[in-house]
Amino acid sequence: MRTYHSQEGCPVARTLNVVGERWTILILRDLVTGRSGKYQDLLRSLRGIAPSLLAKRLKHLEAQGVLQRFFYSEHPPRAEYRLTTKGRELGPLVRAMADWGSKYKLDGETALARPARRRGL
């Protein structure tokens, strides 16, 4: 994971150490908006993410106390990831990013911004 050692006193840098890696904020988007936290559902939603990278990001968020893993099947073992209180507190950040992206549409792609609005962002 990327760390901002030269910025260790900065709260923004500390936040980026948790959520600043590629795909991480999109995982949080799905969970904040109430999508299933099951691995396969996240993999389907995050088209283009490598399965190993999704697993790595989920483990990092779990280690940071943002997500908690709950097993719903033992054979084979299958888990669902849910936001912790700490993770739910990232909701306003995710919503602010969605609002900003909807307002400015920097890349011209509005298809991704509109469904986020309907999901309650």
C-alpha atoms as a PDB file:
ATOM      1  CA  MET A   1       0.000   0.000   0.000  1.00  0.00           C
ATOM      2  CA  ARG A   2       1.074   3.528  -0.685  1.00  0.00           C
ATOM      3  CA  THR A   3       1.997   5.554   2.359  1.00  0.00           C
ATOM      4  CA  TYR A   4       2.781   9.225   2.639  1.00  0.00           C
ATOM      5  CA  HIS A   5       5.669   9.074   5.139  1.00  0.00           C
ATOM      6  CA  SER A   6       6.691  12.683   4.570  1.00  0.00           C
ATOM      7  CA  GLN A   7       3.142  13.768   5.430  1.00  0.00           C
ATOM      8  CA  GLU A   8       2.616  11.689   8.556  1.00  0.00           C
ATOM      9  CA  GLY A   9       1.161  14.572  10.583  1.00  0.00           C
ATOM     10  CA  CYS A  10      -1.468  15.362   7.972  1.00  0.00           C
ATOM     11  CA  PRO A  11      -4.966  13.913   8.531  1.00  0.00           C
ATOM     12  CA  VAL A  12      -5.666  13.930   4.778  1.00  0.00           C
ATOM     13  CA  ALA A  13      -2.543  11.845   4.148  1.00  0.00           C
ATOM     14  CA  ARG A  14      -3.542   9.444   6.942  1.00  0.00           C
ATOM     15  CA  THR A  15      -6.970   9.049   5.329  1.00  0.00           C
ATOM     16  CA  LEU A  16      -5.355   8.399   1.951  1.00  0.00           C
ATOM     17  CA  ASN A  17      -3.254   5.677   3.554  1.00  0.00           C
ATOM     18  CA  VAL A  18      -6.547   3.867   4.197  1.00  0.00           C
ATOM     19  CA  VAL A  19      -8.704   4.712   1.159  1.00  0.00           C
ATOM     20  CA  GLY A  20      -6.321   6.157  -1.433  1.00  0.00           C
ATOM     21  CA  GLU A  21      -5.382   3.050  -3.402  1.00  0.00           C
ATOM     22  CA  ARG A  22      -6.992   2.344  -6.773  1.00  0.00           C
ATOM     23  CA  TRP A  23     -10.433   0.680  -6.487  1.00  0.00           C
ATOM     24  CA  THR A  24     -10.701   1.172  -2.716  1.00  0.00           C
ATOM     25  CA  ILE A  25     -13.101   4.094  -2.819  1.00  0.00           C
ATOM     26  CA  LEU A  26     -15.273   2.202  -5.334  1.00  0.00           C
ATOM     27  CA  ILE A  27     -15.484  -0.762  -2.951  1.00  0.00           C
ATOM     28  CA  LEU A  28     -16.605   1.690  -0.283  1.00  0.00           C
ATOM     29  CA  ARG A  29     -19.087   3.240  -2.730  1.00  0.00           C
ATOM     30  CA  ASP A  30     -20.752  -0.129  -3.199  1.00  0.00           C
ATOM     31  CA  LEU A  31     -20.966  -0.828   0.515  1.00  0.00           C
ATOM     32  CA  VAL A  32     -22.067   2.703   1.463  1.00  0.00           C
ATOM     33  CA  THR A  33     -24.885   2.515  -1.092  1.00  0.00           C
ATOM     34  CA  GLY A  34     -26.107  -0.782   0.327  1.00  0.00           C
ATOM     35  CA  ARG A  35     -24.832  -3.211  -2.269  1.00  0.00           C
ATOM     36  CA  SER A  36     -24.027  -6.703  -1.155  1.00  0.00           C
ATOM     37  CA  GLY A  37     -20.615  -7.115   0.395  1.00  0.00           C
ATOM     38  CA  LYS A  38     -20.269 -10.650  -0.920  1.00  0.00           C
ATOM     39  CA  TYR A  39     -17.009 -11.121  -2.779  1.00  0.00           C
ATOM     40  CA  GLN A  40     -18.622 -12.280  -6.044  1.00  0.00           C
ATOM     41  CA  ASP A  41     -21.123  -9.395  -5.996  1.00  0.00           C
ATOM     42  CA  LEU A  42     -18.320  -6.887  -5.495  1.00  0.00           C
ATOM     43  CA  LEU A  43     -16.303  -8.524  -8.272  1.00  0.00           C
ATOM     44  CA  ARG A  44     -19.294  -8.218 -10.631  1.00  0.00           C
ATOM     45  CA  SER A  45     -19.897  -4.591  -9.708  1.00  0.00           C
ATOM     46  CA  LEU A  46     -16.259  -3.565 -10.039  1.00  0.00           C
ATOM     47  CA  ARG A  47     -15.851  -4.612 -13.657  1.00  0.00           C
ATOM     48  CA  GLY A  48     -12.171  -4.685 -14.509  1.00  0.00           C
ATOM     49  CA  ILE A  49     -10.689  -5.302 -11.071  1.00  0.00           C
ATOM     50  CA  ALA A  50      -8.487  -8.377 -10.789  1.00  0.00           C
ATOM     51  CA  PRO A  51      -9.818 -10.900  -8.250  1.00  0.00           C
ATOM     52  CA  SER A  52      -6.484 -10.902  -6.404  1.00  0.00           C
ATOM     53  CA  LEU A  53      -6.540  -7.099  -6.167  1.00  0.00           C
ATOM     54  CA  LEU A  54     -10.091  -7.101  -4.790  1.00  0.00           C
ATOM     55  CA  ALA A  55      -9.019  -9.624  -2.154  1.00  0.00           C
ATOM     56  CA  LYS A  56      -6.007  -7.467  -1.274  1.00  0.00           C
ATOM     57  CA  ARG A  57      -8.116  -4.304  -0.944  1.00  0.00           C
ATOM     58  CA  LEU A  58     -10.716  -6.066   1.206  1.00  0.00           C
ATOM     59  CA  LYS A  59      -8.000  -7.415   3.513  1.00  0.00           C
ATOM     60  CA  HIS A  60      -6.478  -3.949   3.844  1.00  0.00           C
ATOM     61  CA  LEU A  61      -9.838  -2.347   4.691  1.00  0.00           C
ATOM     62  CA  GLU A  62     -10.508  -5.108   7.192  1.00  0.00           C
ATOM     63  CA  ALA A  63      -7.083  -4.630   8.797  1.00  0.00           C
ATOM     64  CA  GLN A  64      -7.773  -0.895   9.059  1.00  0.00           C
ATOM     65  CA  GLY A  65     -11.067  -1.549  10.859  1.00  0.00           C
ATOM     66  CA  VAL A  66     -13.204  -0.163   8.032  1.00  0.00           C
ATOM     67  CA  LEU A  67     -14.774  -3.511   7.129  1.00  0.00           C
ATOM     68  CA  GLN A  68     -15.662  -6.612   9.068  1.00  0.00           C
ATOM     69  CA  ARG A  69     -15.859 -10.044   7.487  1.00  0.00           C
ATOM     70  CA  PHE A  70     -18.771 -12.377   8.277  1.00  0.00           C
ATOM     71  CA  PHE A  71     -18.796 -15.973   7.079  1.00  0.00           C
ATOM     72  CA  TYR A  72     -22.123 -17.173   5.694  1.00  0.00           C
ATOM     73  CA  SER A  73     -20.879 -20.553   4.433  1.00  0.00           C
ATOM     74  CA  GLU A  74     -18.291 -22.901   5.876  1.00  0.00           C
ATOM     75  CA  HIS A  75     -17.954 -25.378   2.982  1.00  0.00           C
ATOM     76  CA  PRO A  76     -16.715 -23.755   0.870  1.00  0.00           C
ATOM     77  CA  PRO A  77     -15.854 -20.778   3.072  1.00  0.00           C
ATOM     78  CA  ARG A  78     -17.661 -17.681   1.829  1.00  0.00           C
ATOM     79  CA  ALA A  79     -17.686 -14.291   3.462  1.00  0.00           C
ATOM     80  CA  GLU A  80     -19.605 -11.062   3.270  1.00  0.00           C
ATOM     81  CA  TYR A  81     -17.939  -7.762   4.081  1.00  0.00           C
ATOM     82  CA  ARG A  82     -19.820  -5.123   6.034  1.00  0.00           C
ATOM     83  CA  LEU A  83     -18.892  -1.615   7.032  1.00  0.00           C
ATOM     84  CA  THR A  84     -17.951  -1.098  10.649  1.00  0.00           C
ATOM     85  CA  THR A  85     -18.900   2.096  12.467  1.00  0.00           C
ATOM     86  CA  LYS A  86     -15.555   3.500  11.354  1.00  0.00           C
ATOM     87  CA  GLY A  87     -16.372   2.498   7.768  1.00  0.00           C
ATOM     88  CA  ARG A  88     -19.878   3.964   7.839  1.00  0.00           C
ATOM     89  CA  GLU A  89     -18.333   7.275   8.868  1.00  0.00           C
ATOM     90  CA  LEU A  90     -16.705   7.372   5.413  1.00  0.00           C
ATOM     91  CA  GLY A  91     -20.200   7.633   3.896  1.00  0.00           C
ATOM     92  CA  PRO A  92     -20.217  11.463   3.769  1.00  0.00           C
ATOM     93  CA  LEU A  93     -16.830  11.396   2.018  1.00  0.00           C
ATOM     94  CA  VAL A  94     -18.102   8.951  -0.617  1.00  0.00           C
ATOM     95  CA  ARG A  95     -21.302  10.979  -1.084  1.00  0.00           C
ATOM     96  CA  ALA A  96     -19.315  14.224  -1.391  1.00  0.00           C
ATOM     97  CA  MET A  97     -17.138  12.622  -4.080  1.00  0.00           C
ATOM     98  CA  ALA A  98     -20.268  11.449  -5.934  1.00  0.00           C
ATOM     99  CA  ASP A  99     -21.817  14.912  -5.731  1.00  0.00           C
ATOM    100  CA  TRP A 100     -18.631  16.561  -6.954  1.00  0.00           C
ATOM    101  CA  GLY A 101     -18.266  14.073  -9.800  1.00  0.00           C
ATOM    102  CA  SER A 102     -21.907  14.559 -10.811  1.00  0.00           C
ATOM    103  CA  LYS A 103     -21.560  18.332 -10.736  1.00  0.00           C
ATOM    104  CA  TYR A 104     -18.396  18.593 -12.806  1.00  0.00           C
ATOM    105  CA  LYS A 105     -18.534  15.448 -14.985  1.00  0.00           C
ATOM    106  CA  LEU A 106     -14.849  15.874 -15.768  1.00  0.00           C
ATOM    107  CA  ASP A 107     -14.549  12.874 -18.046  1.00  0.00           C
ATOM    108  CA  GLY A 108     -17.873  13.353 -19.827  1.00  0.00           C
ATOM    109  CA  GLU A 109     -19.235  10.016 -18.635  1.00  0.00           C
ATOM    110  CA  THR A 110     -22.574  10.644 -16.962  1.00  0.00           C
ATOM    111  CA  ALA A 111     -23.746   7.035 -17.047  1.00  0.00           C
ATOM    112  CA  LEU A 112     -21.846   6.194 -13.864  1.00  0.00           C
ATOM    113  CA  ALA A 113     -22.966   9.277 -11.940  1.00  0.00           C
ATOM    114  CA  ARG A 114     -26.703   8.871 -12.533  1.00  0.00           C
ATOM    115  CA  PRO A 115     -27.163   5.367 -11.053  1.00  0.00           C
ATOM    116  CA  ALA A 116     -25.258   6.466  -7.938  1.00  0.00           C
ATOM    117  CA  ARG A 117     -27.910   9.116  -7.345  1.00  0.00           C
ATOM    118  CA  ARG A 118     -30.727   6.556  -7.543  1.00  0.00           C
ATOM    119  CA  ARG A 119     -28.942   4.298  -5.060  1.00  0.00           C
ATOM    120  CA  GLY A 120     -29.142   6.997  -2.438  1.00  0.00           C
ATOM    121  CA  LEU A 121     -25.807   8.744  -2.671  1.00  0.00           C
END
